[in-house]
Amino acid sequence: MSDLILTGASRGIGHALALALAGPGGRRLVLVARDETRLSTLVADVERKGGRALSVPGDLSTLEGARALGRRLVEVAEPGATLVHNAGVWPSRRVLTPDGLELAFAVNHLAPLAMQQPLLDAGHLRRIMLVSAGLLVKGRFDADRTPTGEDFSSIRTYCDTKLCLALAMRDVAAAHPELDVVVLHPGVVRTDLGARTGPLGWLLSLVKRGWEAPETCGARLARILARERWSPPGDARWMMEEQEQPWPAPTDDERLRQAVRQTTARWLARP
C-alpha cells in the first residue's frame, strides 16, 4: 500500500487522523509538522498500534522552507503517495513572514503549493486531499492587499486563505488529470485552531465544548481516504464532511479565480 503524507500531524485533526489510520497492514504514514518532539511521540504511538510511520519535521512559514520540505519528501516517500494537506493557522493579528507575506496567506495557501510541487515534478503523487473549511464561502481576495495582510481580519483572513487554496487545487486537478483530488470541509471540530486569549478566548472555549472531537473527524477522514476514487480525472470535487456538494458560489467566480491564479503564480515565481 502506498505512503500517505500528512501535514499538521502533531495535533488536532492531523494527530487524530494518524491514529485512525494506524494499524497492522496499513500504509506507511509520513508525518509532517514543526514540533519534532510531538512528531516522535506520534510515531511511537502509531507503531504501538502496529502501524508504520516516519517523522519528517518541516516548516511551512516560508516558501524556501516549504520547498525544502517538498524536496525532502521526494527523497523519503514512495511513488504513488497520497498527500493530505491538513496544516493551517488562524492568526489573531497580522504577522509578516520573512518573505513579506501575511502568515495565513503563506501557511494556508502558498506553502502547500510550494511544498507539493517537487512531489508533482517527480511524479510521486496519486491523490491529494485538502482539508479546507466551509468558511471559505465568506472569503474575499484583493490581489494587492491580501498576500501581505493589508486587509487583515482576525476572522475573515482565515476564510480568505482557505478560499485561495481551494481555488488553486481546482487548477492543480485540471493541470494533472492523473491525480485524484478532493477538497473538503472536515466538520466543526474541537481543536486549538483559532484559539484566543482573554474574554473572547474563554467564550470560544465554552462554545467549542459542543463541537465534535478530533477523533470523530479523524475516523471520518479515514473513511473518505478508503474510497476508491473521489473525483473524475482533471477535476476536483468539494465535500461537506462525507457528502459531495456543489462547489460554493465564490469558487465559480472566474474573475476571482483568475486573480488568485495570477497572484499565486507571481509570488511562487519569486526566488
Foldseek 3Di string as FASTA:
>chain_A
DFEEEEEPLLFFLNVLLLQLQAAAPGHEYEYEEQDPVSQVVSQVNSVVRVGHYHYDYFDQQDLVRLLVLLVVCVVPGAAAYEYEADDAAQDQDFDAGPLLFTRRLRRLAQSVVSNCVSCVVVNRYAEYEYAAAPLLLLEDDDLVDLGNPVVPDSPRNSSNNSVLRVLVVQVVQQVFLSHFYEYEHLFLEQTCHSADDDPVNVVVNVVSVPGHYSNVSSNLVVVVVPDPGQDHGNGYFYYYRNHTDPDRPVSPPVVRSVSSVVSSVVSSPDD
